[in-house]
């Protein structure tokens, strides 16, 4: 019961973080940067420092929850869609694709939706 409550709260935090990013997409760049930074913090928690330091399979293992990995994929796709430099954008999309490859329990339809979002210019399908 306690784990279910904790998991529900964690999922709600992730949903709130992504909603903030979505709301900030039309705002000033500084507001977008802050929302994305806060969303990465909410998803990664104490593992934030490992982003970019470890491979995606290790990062997914550290997160230990496919819901968090899916949220990180979505956030990374959103972040990629707002990068002015196409190389930065493609680097982030490649990271998200490698994270997507770590998902084992996620239904195929959800994996396909995430994959499609990586091909979208704004990270949304």
C-alpha atoms as a PDB file:
ATOM      1  CA  UNK A   1       0.000   0.000   0.000  1.00  0.00           C
ATOM      2  CA  UNK A   2       2.731   2.463   0.943  1.00  0.00           C
ATOM      3  CA  UNK A   3       4.670   1.652  -2.231  1.00  0.00           C
ATOM      4  CA  UNK A   4       1.540   2.214  -4.324  1.00  0.00           C
ATOM      5  CA  UNK A   5       0.986   5.621  -2.696  1.00  0.00           C
ATOM      6  CA  UNK A   6       4.625   6.554  -3.200  1.00  0.00           C
ATOM      7  CA  UNK A   7       4.551   5.409  -6.823  1.00  0.00           C
ATOM      8  CA  UNK A   8       1.350   7.359  -7.460  1.00  0.00           C
ATOM      9  CA  UNK A   9       2.942  10.525  -6.023  1.00  0.00           C
ATOM     10  CA  UNK A  10       6.073   9.999  -8.111  1.00  0.00           C
ATOM     11  CA  UNK A  11       4.058   9.542 -11.305  1.00  0.00           C
ATOM     12  CA  UNK A  12       2.084  12.687 -10.486  1.00  0.00           C
ATOM     13  CA  UNK A  13       5.346  14.632 -10.043  1.00  0.00           C
ATOM     14  CA  UNK A  14       6.504  13.449 -13.464  1.00  0.00           C
ATOM     15  CA  UNK A  15       3.209  14.405 -15.064  1.00  0.00           C
ATOM     16  CA  UNK A  16       3.338  17.839 -13.415  1.00  0.00           C
ATOM     17  CA  UNK A  17       6.922  18.393 -14.577  1.00  0.00           C
ATOM     18  CA  UNK A  18       6.080  17.571 -18.199  1.00  0.00           C
ATOM     19  CA  UNK A  19       2.928  19.721 -18.028  1.00  0.00           C
ATOM     20  CA  UNK A  20       5.067  22.672 -16.893  1.00  0.00           C
ATOM     21  CA  UNK A  21       7.364  22.175 -19.860  1.00  0.00           C
ATOM     22  CA  UNK A  22       4.406  22.022 -22.230  1.00  0.00           C
ATOM     23  CA  UNK A  23       2.971  25.238 -20.742  1.00  0.00           C
ATOM     24  CA  UNK A  24       6.329  26.998 -21.016  1.00  0.00           C
ATOM     25  CA  UNK A  25       6.832  26.115 -24.693  1.00  0.00           C
ATOM     26  CA  UNK A  26       5.241  29.368 -25.819  1.00  0.00           C
ATOM     27  CA  UNK A  27       6.861  31.498 -23.127  1.00  0.00           C
ATOM     28  CA  UNK A  28      10.215  33.253 -23.010  1.00  0.00           C
ATOM     29  CA  UNK A  29      13.320  31.126 -23.514  1.00  0.00           C
ATOM     30  CA  UNK A  30      14.379  31.628 -19.880  1.00  0.00           C
ATOM     31  CA  UNK A  31      11.018  30.280 -18.705  1.00  0.00           C
ATOM     32  CA  UNK A  32      11.366  27.280 -21.020  1.00  0.00           C
ATOM     33  CA  UNK A  33      14.907  26.614 -19.805  1.00  0.00           C
ATOM     34  CA  UNK A  34      13.797  26.719 -16.175  1.00  0.00           C
ATOM     35  CA  UNK A  35      10.809  24.431 -16.793  1.00  0.00           C
ATOM     36  CA  UNK A  36      12.956  21.890 -18.639  1.00  0.00           C
ATOM     37  CA  UNK A  37      15.638  22.028 -15.957  1.00  0.00           C
ATOM     38  CA  UNK A  38      13.035  21.461 -13.233  1.00  0.00           C
ATOM     39  CA  UNK A  39      11.506  18.593 -15.198  1.00  0.00           C
ATOM     40  CA  UNK A  40      14.894  16.875 -15.551  1.00  0.00           C
ATOM     41  CA  UNK A  41      15.350  17.302 -11.775  1.00  0.00           C
ATOM     42  CA  UNK A  42      11.899  15.829 -11.075  1.00  0.00           C
ATOM     43  CA  UNK A  43      12.495  12.809 -13.302  1.00  0.00           C
ATOM     44  CA  UNK A  44      16.118  12.095 -12.486  1.00  0.00           C
ATOM     45  CA  UNK A  45      16.207  13.212  -8.842  1.00  0.00           C
ATOM     46  CA  UNK A  46      19.601  12.431  -7.335  1.00  0.00           C
ATOM     47  CA  UNK A  47      20.720  10.842 -10.612  1.00  0.00           C
ATOM     48  CA  UNK A  48      20.662  14.157 -12.518  1.00  0.00           C
ATOM     49  CA  UNK A  49      24.444  14.385 -12.480  1.00  0.00           C
ATOM     50  CA  UNK A  50      24.675  11.101 -14.369  1.00  0.00           C
ATOM     51  CA  UNK A  51      22.838  12.464 -17.415  1.00  0.00           C
ATOM     52  CA  UNK A  52      25.434  12.516 -20.166  1.00  0.00           C
ATOM     53  CA  UNK A  53      28.012  10.684 -18.013  1.00  0.00           C
ATOM     54  CA  UNK A  54      26.677   7.138 -18.263  1.00  0.00           C
ATOM     55  CA  UNK A  55      25.159   5.195 -21.119  1.00  0.00           C
ATOM     56  CA  UNK A  56      21.386   5.086 -21.444  1.00  0.00           C
ATOM     57  CA  UNK A  57      21.038   1.476 -20.269  1.00  0.00           C
ATOM     58  CA  UNK A  58      22.844   2.374 -17.035  1.00  0.00           C
ATOM     59  CA  UNK A  59      20.729   5.486 -16.631  1.00  0.00           C
ATOM     60  CA  UNK A  60      17.529   3.492 -17.165  1.00  0.00           C
ATOM     61  CA  UNK A  61      18.749   1.023 -14.548  1.00  0.00           C
ATOM     62  CA  UNK A  62      19.400   3.838 -12.089  1.00  0.00           C
ATOM     63  CA  UNK A  63      15.877   5.141 -12.611  1.00  0.00           C
ATOM     64  CA  UNK A  64      14.600   1.577 -11.965  1.00  0.00           C
ATOM     65  CA  UNK A  65      11.126   2.414 -13.249  1.00  0.00           C
ATOM     66  CA  UNK A  66       9.955   2.379 -16.854  1.00  0.00           C
ATOM     67  CA  UNK A  67       7.484   5.184 -16.104  1.00  0.00           C
ATOM     68  CA  UNK A  68      10.432   7.455 -15.286  1.00  0.00           C
ATOM     69  CA  UNK A  69      12.301   6.291 -18.381  1.00  0.00           C
ATOM     70  CA  UNK A  70       9.261   7.039 -20.561  1.00  0.00           C
ATOM     71  CA  UNK A  71       8.958  10.486 -18.958  1.00  0.00           C
ATOM     72  CA  UNK A  72      12.652  11.102 -19.625  1.00  0.00           C
ATOM     73  CA  UNK A  73      12.197  10.076 -23.272  1.00  0.00           C
ATOM     74  CA  UNK A  74       9.289  12.515 -23.645  1.00  0.00           C
ATOM     75  CA  UNK A  75      11.180  15.326 -21.957  1.00  0.00           C
ATOM     76  CA  UNK A  76      14.278  14.674 -24.055  1.00  0.00           C
ATOM     77  CA  UNK A  77      12.144  14.771 -27.227  1.00  0.00           C
ATOM     78  CA  UNK A  78      10.631  18.097 -26.127  1.00  0.00           C
ATOM     79  CA  UNK A  79      14.067  19.463 -25.296  1.00  0.00           C
ATOM     80  CA  UNK A  80      15.397  18.333 -28.691  1.00  0.00           C
ATOM     81  CA  UNK A  81      12.520  20.055 -30.478  1.00  0.00           C
ATOM     82  CA  UNK A  82      13.467  23.445 -29.077  1.00  0.00           C
ATOM     83  CA  UNK A  83      17.199  23.357 -29.754  1.00  0.00           C
ATOM     84  CA  UNK A  84      18.252  25.851 -32.437  1.00  0.00           C
ATOM     85  CA  UNK A  85      21.330  23.830 -33.437  1.00  0.00           C
ATOM     86  CA  UNK A  86      20.307  20.717 -35.399  1.00  0.00           C
ATOM     87  CA  UNK A  87      23.336  18.832 -34.045  1.00  0.00           C
ATOM     88  CA  UNK A  88      22.180  19.385 -30.450  1.00  0.00           C
ATOM     89  CA  UNK A  89      18.681  18.373 -31.425  1.00  0.00           C
ATOM     90  CA  UNK A  90      19.842  15.159 -33.082  1.00  0.00           C
ATOM     91  CA  UNK A  91      22.151  14.328 -30.144  1.00  0.00           C
ATOM     92  CA  UNK A  92      19.172  14.519 -27.775  1.00  0.00           C
ATOM     93  CA  UNK A  93      16.939  12.498 -30.106  1.00  0.00           C
ATOM     94  CA  UNK A  94      19.649   9.827 -30.351  1.00  0.00           C
ATOM     95  CA  UNK A  95      19.795   9.681 -26.547  1.00  0.00           C
ATOM     96  CA  UNK A  96      16.014   9.297 -26.404  1.00  0.00           C
ATOM     97  CA  UNK A  97      16.126   6.486 -29.008  1.00  0.00           C
ATOM     98  CA  UNK A  98      18.742   4.646 -26.956  1.00  0.00           C
ATOM     99  CA  UNK A  99      16.561   5.068 -23.853  1.00  0.00           C
ATOM    100  CA  UNK A 100      13.580   3.783 -25.824  1.00  0.00           C
ATOM    101  CA  UNK A 101      15.550   0.633 -26.621  1.00  0.00           C
ATOM    102  CA  UNK A 102      15.833  -0.101 -22.880  1.00  0.00           C
ATOM    103  CA  UNK A 103      12.062  -0.394 -22.386  1.00  0.00           C
ATOM    104  CA  UNK A 104      11.032  -4.008 -21.919  1.00  0.00           C
ATOM    105  CA  UNK A 105       7.647  -3.922 -20.163  1.00  0.00           C
ATOM    106  CA  UNK A 106       6.110  -0.988 -21.996  1.00  0.00           C
ATOM    107  CA  UNK A 107       3.386  -1.979 -24.494  1.00  0.00           C
ATOM    108  CA  UNK A 108       4.357  -1.791 -28.161  1.00  0.00           C
ATOM    109  CA  UNK A 109       1.742   0.891 -28.854  1.00  0.00           C
ATOM    110  CA  UNK A 110       3.327   3.172 -26.238  1.00  0.00           C
ATOM    111  CA  UNK A 111       6.832   2.499 -27.550  1.00  0.00           C
ATOM    112  CA  UNK A 112       5.605   3.384 -31.047  1.00  0.00           C
ATOM    113  CA  UNK A 113       4.015   6.621 -29.784  1.00  0.00           C
ATOM    114  CA  UNK A 114       7.312   7.578 -28.137  1.00  0.00           C
ATOM    115  CA  UNK A 115       9.266   6.693 -31.284  1.00  0.00           C
ATOM    116  CA  UNK A 116       6.911   8.819 -33.370  1.00  0.00           C
ATOM    117  CA  UNK A 117       7.414  11.760 -31.006  1.00  0.00           C
ATOM    118  CA  UNK A 118      11.150  11.582 -31.697  1.00  0.00           C
ATOM    119  CA  UNK A 119      10.505  12.172 -35.385  1.00  0.00           C
ATOM    120  CA  UNK A 120       8.271  15.181 -34.737  1.00  0.00           C
ATOM    121  CA  UNK A 121       9.927  18.632 -34.978  1.00  0.00           C
ATOM    122  CA  UNK A 122       8.506  19.693 -31.619  1.00  0.00           C
ATOM    123  CA  UNK A 123       8.880  16.333 -29.905  1.00  0.00           C
ATOM    124  CA  UNK A 124       5.139  15.718 -29.931  1.00  0.00           C
ATOM    125  CA  UNK A 125       3.114  13.354 -32.028  1.00  0.00           C
END
